[in-house]
Amino acid sequence: MTKSKSTAITEELYDYVLAHNPPLDAVQRQLVETTYQRFPDQAQMQSAQEQGPLLAFLARLCGARRIVEVGTFTGFSTLAMAQALPPDGKLIACDVSEEWTAYGREAWERAGVADRIDLRIAPALDTLREMPAEPHIDFAYLDADKGNYTSYWDELVPRLRSGGLIVADNVLFRGTVTDPQATGAAAAIREFNDHVMADQRVEAVILTVADGLTVARKL
C-alpha cells in the first residue's frame, strides 16, 4: 500500500505556512475578513488564503496577460490574479451574483486594478462560449459549481494557448472523491478528475493544497 508523506496541517502549522508565504496586502486582508463577516454561511466558497499568493505566482510564472476565472464569489482570487497582471492585462471574471461580486468590485477599485477586470454576470458556460474559439487565454482558474466543472474545462482548454495554465479548485472535495458511491457534487468532481487524467491535451497534477488543487499545462 502506498503511504502518504503529507504532513497533517494543524492550526498552528497553518498559521506558520501563512506567516512564511507572501503576506496578503491591506485590501486583500480586508476583503477576506469582510467576506467572513458578511457571508458566514458561504465564506468557505472563498479561495483559501494561501491560494491567493499561489495563483498570483502561477500567473506571473507563465507570463499571463489574459486570464479567465470561472467563479468569482467576493473577488479575493480575482484580486490576487489581477494584481499579478501587467497594466495592460485583462481578467475576465465569470459569476452569476451581483450581491457577492459587489464586494469584489469595491476591493478592486481600492487596489487600483478594476480596469484590468471584466466582470461578466451571466451563466459562465454562455460567457465562455461567446469567447473567440482560438487559443488566446494564458491562465484560467476554475472554482465554481462542481456539476459543470467538466463542461467548463472543455470550453477552456481549447482556448488556452500552448504552455498556458489551468487551475481547478476543490478537486479533493473534502475527501469524498475516494467514495465510488458518491453522489451530487462529489460524484461530479470524481468524473472531472478522471476526465482531466485522460485528457491528452494537457499534463496535470493534483496538489494537496487546501481542498485539492489541479494544476495543468496545455501541451
Protein backbone atom coordinates (compact mmCIF):
# COMPACT_ATOMS: atom_id res chain seq x y z
CA MET A 1 0.00 0.00 0.00
CA THR A 2 1.21 3.50 -0.86
CA LYS A 3 1.80 5.56 2.26
CA SER A 4 1.26 9.29 2.36
CA LYS A 5 4.20 11.51 3.26
CA SER A 6 1.94 14.52 3.70
CA THR A 7 2.20 16.38 7.00
CA ALA A 8 -1.06 16.84 8.88
CA ILE A 9 -1.95 20.53 8.91
CA THR A 10 -2.75 21.74 12.40
CA GLU A 11 -3.95 25.28 13.05
CA GLU A 12 -0.51 26.14 14.40
CA LEU A 13 1.21 24.77 11.30
CA TYR A 14 -1.28 26.51 9.02
CA ASP A 15 -0.51 29.83 10.71
CA TYR A 16 3.19 29.08 10.21
CA VAL A 17 2.64 28.48 6.49
CA LEU A 18 0.74 31.74 6.09
CA ALA A 19 3.46 33.58 8.01
CA HIS A 20 6.09 32.30 5.59
CA ASN A 21 4.11 32.95 2.41
CA PRO A 22 3.83 36.32 0.69
CA PRO A 23 1.54 38.29 3.01
CA LEU A 24 -1.87 39.50 1.94
CA ASP A 25 -1.91 43.23 1.37
CA ALA A 26 -4.32 45.50 3.23
CA VAL A 27 -7.06 45.33 0.56
CA GLN A 28 -6.84 41.55 0.27
CA ARG A 29 -6.92 41.15 4.04
CA GLN A 30 -9.95 43.38 4.44
CA LEU A 31 -11.80 41.54 1.66
CA VAL A 32 -11.14 38.17 3.31
CA GLU A 33 -12.37 39.47 6.66
CA THR A 34 -15.40 41.20 5.16
CA THR A 35 -16.40 38.00 3.38
CA TYR A 36 -16.40 36.06 6.64
CA GLN A 37 -18.37 38.81 8.37
CA ARG A 38 -20.99 39.33 5.65
CA PHE A 39 -21.39 35.75 4.44
CA PRO A 40 -20.54 33.42 7.34
CA ASP A 41 -22.52 30.56 5.83
CA GLN A 42 -20.91 30.85 2.39
CA ALA A 43 -17.41 32.06 3.33
CA GLN A 44 -15.93 28.62 2.69
CA MET A 45 -16.53 29.33 -1.01
CA GLN A 46 -13.72 31.89 -0.86
CA SER A 47 -10.35 30.59 -2.05
CA ALA A 48 -8.06 29.73 0.85
CA GLN A 49 -5.69 32.48 1.96
CA GLU A 50 -2.61 30.62 0.74
CA GLN A 51 -4.18 30.24 -2.69
CA GLY A 52 -4.14 33.97 -3.41
CA PRO A 53 -0.32 34.24 -3.45
CA LEU A 54 -0.10 30.86 -5.25
CA LEU A 55 -2.44 31.97 -8.05
CA ALA A 56 -0.50 35.23 -8.42
CA PHE A 57 2.77 33.27 -8.52
CA LEU A 58 1.47 30.92 -11.22
CA ALA A 59 0.09 33.80 -13.28
CA ARG A 60 3.48 35.54 -13.20
CA LEU A 61 5.28 32.26 -13.85
CA CYS A 62 3.50 31.75 -17.18
CA GLY A 63 3.64 35.44 -18.10
CA ALA A 64 -0.13 35.74 -18.15
CA ARG A 65 -1.71 38.68 -19.92
CA ARG A 66 -5.17 37.17 -20.43
CA ILE A 67 -6.82 35.36 -17.52
CA VAL A 68 -10.27 33.78 -17.24
CA GLU A 69 -11.82 33.00 -13.87
CA VAL A 70 -14.94 30.85 -13.55
CA GLY A 71 -16.48 31.52 -10.14
CA THR A 72 -15.65 34.86 -8.54
CA PHE A 73 -17.72 34.98 -5.31
CA THR A 74 -16.50 38.10 -3.43
CA GLY A 75 -13.42 38.51 -5.59
CA PHE A 76 -10.41 37.55 -3.45
CA SER A 77 -8.83 35.25 -6.04
CA THR A 78 -9.75 37.74 -8.76
CA LEU A 79 -7.91 40.47 -6.92
CA ALA A 80 -4.79 38.36 -6.39
CA MET A 81 -4.59 37.38 -10.06
CA ALA A 82 -5.37 40.86 -11.37
CA GLN A 83 -2.54 42.28 -9.26
CA ALA A 84 -0.20 39.80 -10.97
CA LEU A 85 -1.14 41.08 -14.43
CA PRO A 86 0.80 43.77 -16.30
CA PRO A 87 -1.04 47.11 -16.52
CA ASP A 88 -2.46 46.24 -19.95
CA GLY A 89 -3.51 42.71 -18.93
CA LYS A 90 -7.12 41.61 -18.73
CA LEU A 91 -9.00 39.21 -16.47
CA ILE A 92 -12.49 38.05 -17.41
CA ALA A 93 -14.34 37.08 -14.23
CA CYS A 94 -17.47 34.94 -14.58
CA ASP A 95 -20.16 34.82 -11.90
CA VAL A 96 -23.94 34.98 -11.51
CA SER A 97 -24.25 37.05 -8.33
CA GLU A 98 -24.33 40.84 -8.30
CA GLU A 99 -24.55 40.75 -4.48
CA TRP A 100 -21.38 38.74 -3.89
CA THR A 101 -19.30 40.39 -6.60
CA ALA A 102 -20.21 43.89 -5.41
CA TYR A 103 -17.71 43.39 -2.58
CA GLY A 104 -15.09 42.41 -5.12
CA ARG A 105 -15.78 45.47 -7.27
CA GLU A 106 -15.16 47.73 -4.28
CA ALA A 107 -11.91 45.97 -3.39
CA TRP A 108 -10.65 46.02 -6.99
CA GLU A 109 -11.23 49.76 -7.13
CA ARG A 110 -9.36 50.33 -3.87
CA ALA A 111 -6.47 48.18 -5.11
CA GLY A 112 -6.26 50.10 -8.38
CA VAL A 113 -6.85 47.09 -10.64
CA ALA A 114 -10.53 47.49 -11.57
CA ASP A 115 -9.55 48.48 -15.11
CA ARG A 116 -7.92 45.06 -15.58
CA ILE A 117 -11.07 43.13 -14.61
CA ASP A 118 -14.04 42.48 -16.90
CA LEU A 119 -16.77 41.06 -14.66
CA ARG A 120 -19.50 39.25 -16.60
CA ILE A 121 -22.68 38.42 -14.70
CA ALA A 122 -24.17 35.51 -16.63
CA PRO A 123 -24.05 31.72 -16.73
CA ALA A 124 -20.36 31.00 -17.19
CA LEU A 125 -20.89 28.49 -20.00
CA ASP A 126 -22.62 31.21 -22.02
CA THR A 127 -19.74 33.62 -21.36
CA LEU A 128 -17.10 31.04 -22.30
CA ARG A 129 -18.89 30.04 -25.50
CA GLU A 130 -19.06 33.67 -26.59
CA MET A 131 -15.26 33.96 -26.43
CA PRO A 132 -13.07 33.50 -29.52
CA ALA A 133 -12.59 29.81 -30.24
CA GLU A 134 -8.88 30.05 -30.99
CA PRO A 135 -6.22 29.71 -28.26
CA HIS A 136 -5.84 33.11 -26.58
CA ILE A 137 -6.04 32.51 -22.80
CA ASP A 138 -2.80 32.36 -20.80
CA PHE A 139 -4.21 31.32 -17.44
CA ALA A 140 -7.56 30.05 -16.19
CA TYR A 141 -8.92 29.42 -12.70
CA LEU A 142 -11.93 27.19 -12.14
CA ASP A 143 -13.76 27.46 -8.80
CA ALA A 144 -17.49 27.36 -9.45
CA ASP A 145 -20.45 24.94 -9.38
CA LYS A 146 -18.99 21.44 -9.37
CA GLY A 147 -21.61 19.88 -11.63
CA ASN A 148 -20.36 21.93 -14.57
CA TYR A 149 -16.61 21.51 -13.97
CA THR A 150 -16.13 19.12 -16.90
CA SER A 151 -18.12 21.38 -19.23
CA TYR A 152 -16.15 24.45 -18.15
CA TRP A 153 -12.89 22.53 -18.66
CA ASP A 154 -13.86 21.53 -22.19
CA GLU A 155 -14.66 25.13 -23.09
CA LEU A 156 -11.46 26.49 -21.54
CA VAL A 157 -8.81 24.02 -22.72
CA PRO A 158 -9.22 24.66 -26.49
CA ARG A 159 -9.00 28.41 -25.81
CA LEU A 160 -5.82 28.04 -23.73
CA ARG A 161 -2.55 28.75 -25.51
CA SER A 162 0.19 26.17 -25.61
CA GLY A 163 2.11 26.44 -22.35
CA GLY A 164 -0.80 28.18 -20.65
CA LEU A 165 -2.04 27.02 -17.25
CA ILE A 166 -5.45 26.00 -15.96
CA VAL A 167 -6.04 25.55 -12.24
CA ALA A 168 -9.10 23.87 -10.69
CA ASP A 169 -10.03 24.13 -7.01
CA ASN A 170 -11.80 21.65 -4.69
CA VAL A 171 -10.66 18.56 -6.59
CA LEU A 172 -10.49 16.50 -3.37
CA PHE A 173 -13.90 17.76 -2.23
CA ARG A 174 -13.33 17.24 1.46
CA GLY A 175 -12.05 13.71 0.84
CA THR A 176 -15.30 12.42 -0.65
CA VAL A 177 -13.73 11.74 -4.07
CA THR A 178 -12.48 8.38 -2.79
CA ASP A 179 -16.06 7.13 -2.40
CA PRO A 180 -17.23 5.25 -5.54
CA GLN A 181 -20.81 5.63 -4.28
CA ALA A 182 -20.52 9.42 -4.06
CA THR A 183 -23.40 11.43 -5.44
CA GLY A 184 -24.04 15.05 -6.33
CA ALA A 185 -21.07 17.42 -6.35
CA ALA A 186 -18.66 14.75 -5.08
CA ALA A 187 -19.59 12.47 -7.98
CA ALA A 188 -19.15 15.36 -10.39
CA ILE A 189 -15.66 16.03 -9.07
CA ARG A 190 -14.77 12.31 -9.37
CA GLU A 191 -15.89 12.45 -13.01
CA PHE A 192 -13.95 15.66 -13.56
CA ASN A 193 -10.74 14.25 -12.09
CA ASP A 194 -11.00 11.18 -14.32
CA HIS A 195 -11.68 13.42 -17.31
CA VAL A 196 -8.59 15.54 -16.63
CA MET A 197 -6.38 12.47 -16.12
CA ALA A 198 -7.46 11.12 -19.53
CA ASP A 199 -7.13 14.47 -21.34
CA GLN A 200 -4.22 14.21 -23.79
CA ARG A 201 -4.27 17.96 -24.43
CA VAL A 202 -2.67 18.74 -21.07
CA GLU A 203 -0.26 17.49 -18.44
CA ALA A 204 -1.79 17.80 -15.00
CA VAL A 205 -1.01 17.21 -11.33
CA ILE A 206 -3.20 17.25 -8.23
CA LEU A 207 -1.77 19.11 -5.26
CA THR A 208 -2.97 18.67 -1.69
CA VAL A 209 -3.37 22.42 -1.22
CA ALA A 210 -6.47 23.44 0.75
CA ASP A 211 -9.31 21.26 -0.63
CA GLY A 212 -7.18 19.97 -3.51
CA LEU A 213 -5.86 21.90 -6.48
CA THR A 214 -5.28 20.62 -10.00
CA VAL A 215 -2.63 22.48 -11.99
CA ALA A 216 -2.49 21.66 -15.68
CA ARG A 217 -0.36 22.90 -18.58
CA LYS A 218 -1.64 22.97 -22.15
CA LEU A 219 0.63 20.98 -24.44
